[in-house]
Amino acid sequence: MDTVVWSLNPDGVFTIKSAWELWRYKQDSVPWFNLVWGHATVPKVSFIVWLAIYGKLNTSDRLQLFGIPSSLTCPFCLDLNESHPQLFFDYNFTSRIWHVMQGKCNVQWQQVSWPETVILVNRESKGKSMKSIITRLSFLSTVYHIWLERNNRVFNKECKPIEVIIKSIVLMVRNRMLSVSNIPIATGDDWFLDQWNLPRSILKPHPYNVGRAAE
């Protein structure tokens, strides 16, 4: 009797994953892959940042390209034409938010263009240390909440004070950090634990302490 064999799997069994791998368009991983999709990230946040990096968020200038009527007035400064580079973080309002969040990450970078910001954060947040994870999450959450606030101003005509937006970003980062464990111990951890009000239990236990606890 004839048997149907799916040649794309070693066991001959059809799976949706194997079919998808056959048909999908494949490219090399981008340098910022781990920044956006790596350890401890939040999927809904990563998706928005992914769109922002590719310039695919529906800002006013982009909608105009598709012939969709849209106000070109920036919802933050009410002056300049809205665009991705200016939204992240050329506007005074959004640059102030990013400046505060840099302070919460114990870094202070010069203001550069949006593409250069992505490169900079990606380079400076590599690794699994607490500082690296918090820096990645702070960047992602800042972009995400700026986009939320932008939409809130455009569609609901409501404006949140900068302090409220920063508080929301900090809360998102802290809540995500509380779900992370076994973070390798590194110099400067105490500063981040205090700054973000995080428990020491999220750090990887020291071998000496584990041994003493087992006695």
C-alpha atoms as a PDB file:
ATOM      1  CA  MET A   1       0.000   0.000   0.000  1.00  0.00           C
ATOM      2  CA  ASP A   2       1.321   3.441  -0.901  1.00  0.00           C
ATOM      3  CA  THR A   3       2.254   5.745   1.953  1.00  0.00           C
ATOM      4  CA  VAL A   4       2.266   9.533   1.803  1.00  0.00           C
ATOM      5  CA  VAL A   5       5.586  10.926   3.049  1.00  0.00           C
ATOM      6  CA  TRP A   6       6.279  14.609   3.699  1.00  0.00           C
ATOM      7  CA  SER A   7       9.872  14.947   2.529  1.00  0.00           C
ATOM      8  CA  LEU A   8      10.517  18.220   4.365  1.00  0.00           C
ATOM      9  CA  ASN A   9      10.475  16.472   7.758  1.00  0.00           C
ATOM     10  CA  PRO A  10      12.851  13.641   8.724  1.00  0.00           C
ATOM     11  CA  ASP A  11       9.949  11.588  10.104  1.00  0.00           C
ATOM     12  CA  GLY A  12       7.881  12.125   6.951  1.00  0.00           C
ATOM     13  CA  VAL A  13       5.021  13.791   8.843  1.00  0.00           C
ATOM     14  CA  PHE A  14       3.517  17.039   7.576  1.00  0.00           C
ATOM     15  CA  THR A  15       3.679  20.074   9.873  1.00  0.00           C
ATOM     16  CA  ILE A  16       2.565  23.657   9.334  1.00  0.00           C
ATOM     17  CA  LYS A  17       5.988  24.836  10.492  1.00  0.00           C
ATOM     18  CA  SER A  18       7.808  22.876   7.777  1.00  0.00           C
ATOM     19  CA  ALA A  19       5.425  24.208   5.113  1.00  0.00           C
ATOM     20  CA  TRP A  20       5.929  27.771   6.379  1.00  0.00           C
ATOM     21  CA  GLU A  21       9.707  27.353   6.326  1.00  0.00           C
ATOM     22  CA  LEU A  22       9.445  26.234   2.701  1.00  0.00           C
ATOM     23  CA  TRP A  23       7.366  29.162   1.495  1.00  0.00           C
ATOM     24  CA  ARG A  24       8.495  32.076   3.629  1.00  0.00           C
ATOM     25  CA  TYR A  25      10.957  34.610   2.293  1.00  0.00           C
ATOM     26  CA  LYS A  26      14.217  34.172   4.189  1.00  0.00           C
ATOM     27  CA  GLN A  27      16.810  36.822   4.937  1.00  0.00           C
ATOM     28  CA  ASP A  28      19.790  37.106   7.246  1.00  0.00           C
ATOM     29  CA  SER A  29      19.024  38.252  10.792  1.00  0.00           C
ATOM     30  CA  VAL A  30      19.264  42.013  11.286  1.00  0.00           C
ATOM     31  CA  PRO A  31      21.896  43.300  13.766  1.00  0.00           C
ATOM     32  CA  TRP A  32      19.200  44.523  16.178  1.00  0.00           C
ATOM     33  CA  PHE A  33      17.273  41.233  16.292  1.00  0.00           C
ATOM     34  CA  ASN A  34      18.068  40.523  19.946  1.00  0.00           C
ATOM     35  CA  LEU A  35      17.357  44.119  20.924  1.00  0.00           C
ATOM     36  CA  VAL A  36      13.786  43.858  19.677  1.00  0.00           C
ATOM     37  CA  TRP A  37      12.967  40.156  20.003  1.00  0.00           C
ATOM     38  CA  GLY A  38      15.494  38.921  22.549  1.00  0.00           C
ATOM     39  CA  HIS A  39      15.384  37.869  26.192  1.00  0.00           C
ATOM     40  CA  ALA A  40      12.672  39.388  28.440  1.00  0.00           C
ATOM     41  CA  THR A  41      11.070  41.491  25.720  1.00  0.00           C
ATOM     42  CA  VAL A  42       7.294  42.010  25.462  1.00  0.00           C
ATOM     43  CA  PRO A  43       5.814  40.847  22.109  1.00  0.00           C
ATOM     44  CA  LYS A  44       3.281  43.681  21.653  1.00  0.00           C
ATOM     45  CA  VAL A  45       5.995  46.227  22.445  1.00  0.00           C
ATOM     46  CA  SER A  46       8.546  44.558  20.174  1.00  0.00           C
ATOM     47  CA  PHE A  47       6.079  44.597  17.284  1.00  0.00           C
ATOM     48  CA  ILE A  48       5.580  48.368  17.523  1.00  0.00           C
ATOM     49  CA  VAL A  49       9.336  48.976  17.747  1.00  0.00           C
ATOM     50  CA  TRP A  50       9.911  46.647  14.799  1.00  0.00           C
ATOM     51  CA  LEU A  51       7.507  48.753  12.734  1.00  0.00           C
ATOM     52  CA  ALA A  52       9.166  51.951  13.954  1.00  0.00           C
ATOM     53  CA  ILE A  53      12.639  50.748  12.944  1.00  0.00           C
ATOM     54  CA  TYR A  54      11.389  49.971   9.446  1.00  0.00           C
ATOM     55  CA  GLY A  55       9.493  53.272   9.279  1.00  0.00           C
ATOM     56  CA  LYS A  56       6.149  51.503   8.915  1.00  0.00           C
ATOM     57  CA  LEU A  57       4.122  53.172  11.660  1.00  0.00           C
ATOM     58  CA  ASN A  58       1.245  55.183  10.225  1.00  0.00           C
ATOM     59  CA  THR A  59       2.602  58.646  10.895  1.00  0.00           C
ATOM     60  CA  SER A  60       1.087  61.575   9.020  1.00  0.00           C
ATOM     61  CA  ASP A  61       3.821  61.775   6.401  1.00  0.00           C
ATOM     62  CA  ARG A  62       3.434  58.063   5.630  1.00  0.00           C
ATOM     63  CA  LEU A  63      -0.370  58.301   5.326  1.00  0.00           C
ATOM     64  CA  GLN A  64       0.049  61.183   2.889  1.00  0.00           C
ATOM     65  CA  LEU A  65       2.189  58.960   0.648  1.00  0.00           C
ATOM     66  CA  PHE A  66      -0.751  56.574   0.331  1.00  0.00           C
ATOM     67  CA  GLY A  67      -3.145  59.411  -0.434  1.00  0.00           C
ATOM     68  CA  ILE A  68      -4.926  59.109   2.904  1.00  0.00           C
ATOM     69  CA  PRO A  69      -6.082  62.500   4.191  1.00  0.00           C
ATOM     70  CA  SER A  70      -4.309  63.266   7.441  1.00  0.00           C
ATOM     71  CA  SER A  71      -3.298  66.313   9.408  1.00  0.00           C
ATOM     72  CA  LEU A  72       0.417  66.990   9.064  1.00  0.00           C
ATOM     73  CA  THR A  73       0.485  68.790  12.394  1.00  0.00           C
ATOM     74  CA  CYS A  74       2.619  67.059  15.007  1.00  0.00           C
ATOM     75  CA  PRO A  75       0.442  65.995  17.967  1.00  0.00           C
ATOM     76  CA  PHE A  76       3.296  66.845  20.346  1.00  0.00           C
ATOM     77  CA  CYS A  77       4.676  70.187  19.163  1.00  0.00           C
ATOM     78  CA  LEU A  78       1.709  71.293  16.981  1.00  0.00           C
ATOM     79  CA  ASP A  79       4.185  72.694  14.485  1.00  0.00           C
ATOM     80  CA  LEU A  80       6.547  70.418  12.575  1.00  0.00           C
ATOM     81  CA  ASN A  81       5.362  67.772  10.152  1.00  0.00           C
ATOM     82  CA  GLU A  82       5.117  64.394  11.853  1.00  0.00           C
ATOM     83  CA  SER A  83       7.618  61.693  10.857  1.00  0.00           C
ATOM     84  CA  HIS A  84       9.384  58.686  12.376  1.00  0.00           C
ATOM     85  CA  PRO A  85      12.768  60.390  12.899  1.00  0.00           C
ATOM     86  CA  GLN A  86      11.187  63.374  14.627  1.00  0.00           C
ATOM     87  CA  LEU A  87       8.858  61.247  16.732  1.00  0.00           C
ATOM     88  CA  PHE A  88      11.862  59.212  18.012  1.00  0.00           C
ATOM     89  CA  PHE A  89      13.303  61.451  19.527  1.00  0.00           C
ATOM     90  CA  ASP A  90      13.708  64.793  17.799  1.00  0.00           C
ATOM     91  CA  TYR A  91      10.651  66.457  19.296  1.00  0.00           C
ATOM     92  CA  ASN A  92      11.317  68.286  22.540  1.00  0.00           C
ATOM     93  CA  PHE A  93       8.520  66.359  24.284  1.00  0.00           C
ATOM     94  CA  THR A  94       9.717  62.890  23.270  1.00  0.00           C
ATOM     95  CA  SER A  95      13.412  63.707  23.712  1.00  0.00           C
ATOM     96  CA  ARG A  96      12.714  64.722  27.330  1.00  0.00           C
ATOM     97  CA  ILE A  97      11.093  61.354  27.957  1.00  0.00           C
ATOM     98  CA  TRP A  98      14.037  59.504  26.428  1.00  0.00           C
ATOM     99  CA  HIS A  99      16.468  61.656  28.407  1.00  0.00           C
ATOM    100  CA  VAL A 100      14.777  60.708  31.704  1.00  0.00           C
ATOM    101  CA  MET A 101      14.746  57.019  30.799  1.00  0.00           C
ATOM    102  CA  GLN A 102      18.447  57.141  29.972  1.00  0.00           C
ATOM    103  CA  GLY A 103      19.012  58.415  33.485  1.00  0.00           C
ATOM    104  CA  LYS A 104      17.040  55.471  34.840  1.00  0.00           C
ATOM    105  CA  CYS A 105      19.469  53.220  32.932  1.00  0.00           C
ATOM    106  CA  ASN A 106      22.508  55.056  34.327  1.00  0.00           C
ATOM    107  CA  VAL A 107      23.608  56.206  30.875  1.00  0.00           C
ATOM    108  CA  GLN A 108      23.670  59.542  29.101  1.00  0.00           C
ATOM    109  CA  TRP A 109      24.045  59.485  25.340  1.00  0.00           C
ATOM    110  CA  GLN A 110      24.266  62.358  22.904  1.00  0.00           C
ATOM    111  CA  GLN A 111      21.170  62.965  20.833  1.00  0.00           C
ATOM    112  CA  VAL A 112      21.551  61.277  17.453  1.00  0.00           C
ATOM    113  CA  SER A 113      19.250  60.335  14.580  1.00  0.00           C
ATOM    114  CA  TRP A 114      16.662  57.573  14.938  1.00  0.00           C
ATOM    115  CA  PRO A 115      18.671  54.953  12.979  1.00  0.00           C
ATOM    116  CA  GLU A 116      21.789  55.833  14.963  1.00  0.00           C
ATOM    117  CA  THR A 117      19.827  55.558  18.216  1.00  0.00           C
ATOM    118  CA  VAL A 118      18.833  51.991  17.331  1.00  0.00           C
ATOM    119  CA  ILE A 119      22.465  51.125  16.571  1.00  0.00           C
ATOM    120  CA  LEU A 120      23.660  52.780  19.782  1.00  0.00           C
ATOM    121  CA  VAL A 121      21.144  51.079  22.078  1.00  0.00           C
ATOM    122  CA  ASN A 122      21.716  47.738  20.379  1.00  0.00           C
ATOM    123  CA  ARG A 123      25.464  48.018  20.923  1.00  0.00           C
ATOM    124  CA  GLU A 124      25.260  49.224  24.514  1.00  0.00           C
ATOM    125  CA  SER A 125      22.624  46.749  25.711  1.00  0.00           C
ATOM    126  CA  LYS A 126      24.136  43.462  24.613  1.00  0.00           C
ATOM    127  CA  GLY A 127      24.358  40.696  27.185  1.00  0.00           C
ATOM    128  CA  LYS A 128      22.223  39.348  30.015  1.00  0.00           C
ATOM    129  CA  SER A 129      23.240  41.665  32.850  1.00  0.00           C
ATOM    130  CA  MET A 130      20.607  43.618  34.719  1.00  0.00           C
ATOM    131  CA  LYS A 131      21.797  46.855  33.136  1.00  0.00           C
ATOM    132  CA  SER A 132      21.550  45.365  29.636  1.00  0.00           C
ATOM    133  CA  ILE A 133      18.050  44.006  30.167  1.00  0.00           C
ATOM    134  CA  ILE A 134      16.743  47.211  31.761  1.00  0.00           C
ATOM    135  CA  THR A 135      18.319  49.348  29.015  1.00  0.00           C
ATOM    136  CA  ARG A 136      16.696  47.225  26.294  1.00  0.00           C
ATOM    137  CA  LEU A 137      13.308  47.250  27.995  1.00  0.00           C
ATOM    138  CA  SER A 138      13.489  50.983  28.674  1.00  0.00           C
ATOM    139  CA  PHE A 139      14.201  51.742  25.032  1.00  0.00           C
ATOM    140  CA  LEU A 140      11.452  49.448  23.755  1.00  0.00           C
ATOM    141  CA  SER A 141       8.898  50.667  26.294  1.00  0.00           C
ATOM    142  CA  THR A 142       9.728  54.316  25.609  1.00  0.00           C
ATOM    143  CA  VAL A 143       9.074  53.902  21.879  1.00  0.00           C
ATOM    144  CA  TYR A 144       5.898  51.951  22.626  1.00  0.00           C
ATOM    145  CA  HIS A 145       4.438  54.502  25.048  1.00  0.00           C
ATOM    146  CA  ILE A 146       5.330  57.452  22.840  1.00  0.00           C
ATOM    147  CA  TRP A 147       3.379  55.779  20.046  1.00  0.00           C
ATOM    148  CA  LEU A 148       0.449  55.123  22.412  1.00  0.00           C
ATOM    149  CA  GLU A 149       0.452  58.746  23.502  1.00  0.00           C
ATOM    150  CA  ARG A 150       0.671  59.909  19.907  1.00  0.00           C
ATOM    151  CA  ASN A 151      -2.437  57.895  19.025  1.00  0.00           C
ATOM    152  CA  ASN A 152      -4.219  59.044  22.154  1.00  0.00           C
ATOM    153  CA  ARG A 153      -3.690  62.664  21.149  1.00  0.00           C
ATOM    154  CA  VAL A 154      -4.655  62.105  17.528  1.00  0.00           C
ATOM    155  CA  PHE A 155      -7.773  59.971  18.016  1.00  0.00           C
ATOM    156  CA  ASN A 156      -9.008  60.791  21.518  1.00  0.00           C
ATOM    157  CA  LYS A 157      -7.815  64.399  21.724  1.00  0.00           C
ATOM    158  CA  GLU A 158      -6.406  63.665  25.175  1.00  0.00           C
ATOM    159  CA  CYS A 159      -2.957  64.664  26.380  1.00  0.00           C
ATOM    160  CA  LYS A 160      -1.087  63.056  29.240  1.00  0.00           C
ATOM    161  CA  PRO A 161       1.594  64.998  31.115  1.00  0.00           C
ATOM    162  CA  ILE A 162       5.138  63.860  30.517  1.00  0.00           C
ATOM    163  CA  GLU A 163       5.411  62.648  34.129  1.00  0.00           C
ATOM    164  CA  VAL A 164       2.468  60.272  33.641  1.00  0.00           C
ATOM    165  CA  ILE A 165       3.990  58.781  30.485  1.00  0.00           C
ATOM    166  CA  ILE A 166       7.340  58.248  32.197  1.00  0.00           C
ATOM    167  CA  LYS A 167       5.592  56.600  35.139  1.00  0.00           C
ATOM    168  CA  SER A 168       3.835  54.211  32.734  1.00  0.00           C
ATOM    169  CA  ILE A 169       7.140  53.335  31.067  1.00  0.00           C
ATOM    170  CA  VAL A 170       8.849  52.697  34.402  1.00  0.00           C
ATOM    171  CA  LEU A 171       5.933  50.541  35.559  1.00  0.00           C
ATOM    172  CA  MET A 172       6.052  48.427  32.396  1.00  0.00           C
ATOM    173  CA  VAL A 173       9.808  47.871  32.688  1.00  0.00           C
ATOM    174  CA  ARG A 174       9.639  47.077  36.399  1.00  0.00           C
ATOM    175  CA  ASN A 175       6.766  44.628  35.983  1.00  0.00           C
ATOM    176  CA  ARG A 176       8.671  42.799  33.268  1.00  0.00           C
ATOM    177  CA  MET A 177      11.811  42.687  35.380  1.00  0.00           C
ATOM    178  CA  LEU A 178       9.859  41.107  38.243  1.00  0.00           C
ATOM    179  CA  SER A 179       9.163  38.121  35.995  1.00  0.00           C
ATOM    180  CA  VAL A 180      12.841  37.614  35.160  1.00  0.00           C
ATOM    181  CA  SER A 181      15.091  35.401  37.276  1.00  0.00           C
ATOM    182  CA  ASN A 182      18.667  34.134  37.441  1.00  0.00           C
ATOM    183  CA  ILE A 183      20.159  37.371  36.128  1.00  0.00           C
ATOM    184  CA  PRO A 184      23.967  37.082  36.250  1.00  0.00           C
ATOM    185  CA  ILE A 185      25.449  39.175  39.035  1.00  0.00           C
ATOM    186  CA  ALA A 186      27.436  42.174  37.812  1.00  0.00           C
ATOM    187  CA  THR A 187      29.024  45.341  39.143  1.00  0.00           C
ATOM    188  CA  GLY A 188      26.430  48.069  39.578  1.00  0.00           C
ATOM    189  CA  ASP A 189      23.481  45.758  40.272  1.00  0.00           C
ATOM    190  CA  ASP A 190      22.804  47.429  43.632  1.00  0.00           C
ATOM    191  CA  TRP A 191      22.219  50.771  41.904  1.00  0.00           C
ATOM    192  CA  PHE A 192      19.616  49.254  39.570  1.00  0.00           C
ATOM    193  CA  LEU A 193      17.931  47.304  42.359  1.00  0.00           C
ATOM    194  CA  ASP A 194      17.526  50.526  44.312  1.00  0.00           C
ATOM    195  CA  GLN A 195      16.602  52.724  41.337  1.00  0.00           C
ATOM    196  CA  TRP A 196      13.912  50.336  40.108  1.00  0.00           C
ATOM    197  CA  ASN A 197      12.844  49.014  43.507  1.00  0.00           C
ATOM    198  CA  LEU A 198      13.599  45.438  42.509  1.00  0.00           C
ATOM    199  CA  PRO A 199      14.140  42.456  44.811  1.00  0.00           C
ATOM    200  CA  ARG A 200      17.553  40.828  44.975  1.00  0.00           C
ATOM    201  CA  SER A 201      15.855  37.488  44.311  1.00  0.00           C
ATOM    202  CA  ILE A 202      15.830  38.187  40.565  1.00  0.00           C
ATOM    203  CA  LEU A 203      19.617  37.788  40.566  1.00  0.00           C
ATOM    204  CA  LYS A 204      21.281  34.454  40.025  1.00  0.00           C
ATOM    205  CA  PRO A 205      22.067  32.943  43.447  1.00  0.00           C
ATOM    206  CA  HIS A 206      25.710  33.021  44.419  1.00  0.00           C
ATOM    207  CA  PRO A 207      27.166  29.459  44.559  1.00  0.00           C
ATOM    208  CA  TYR A 208      28.410  30.098  48.105  1.00  0.00           C
ATOM    209  CA  ASN A 209      24.966  31.166  49.311  1.00  0.00           C
ATOM    210  CA  VAL A 210      23.326  28.178  47.627  1.00  0.00           C
ATOM    211  CA  GLY A 211      25.759  25.859  49.370  1.00  0.00           C
ATOM    212  CA  ARG A 212      25.114  27.448  52.750  1.00  0.00           C
ATOM    213  CA  ALA A 213      21.333  27.229  52.237  1.00  0.00           C
ATOM    214  CA  ALA A 214      21.597  23.504  51.526  1.00  0.00           C
ATOM    215  CA  GLU A 215      23.513  22.809  54.757  1.00  0.00           C
END
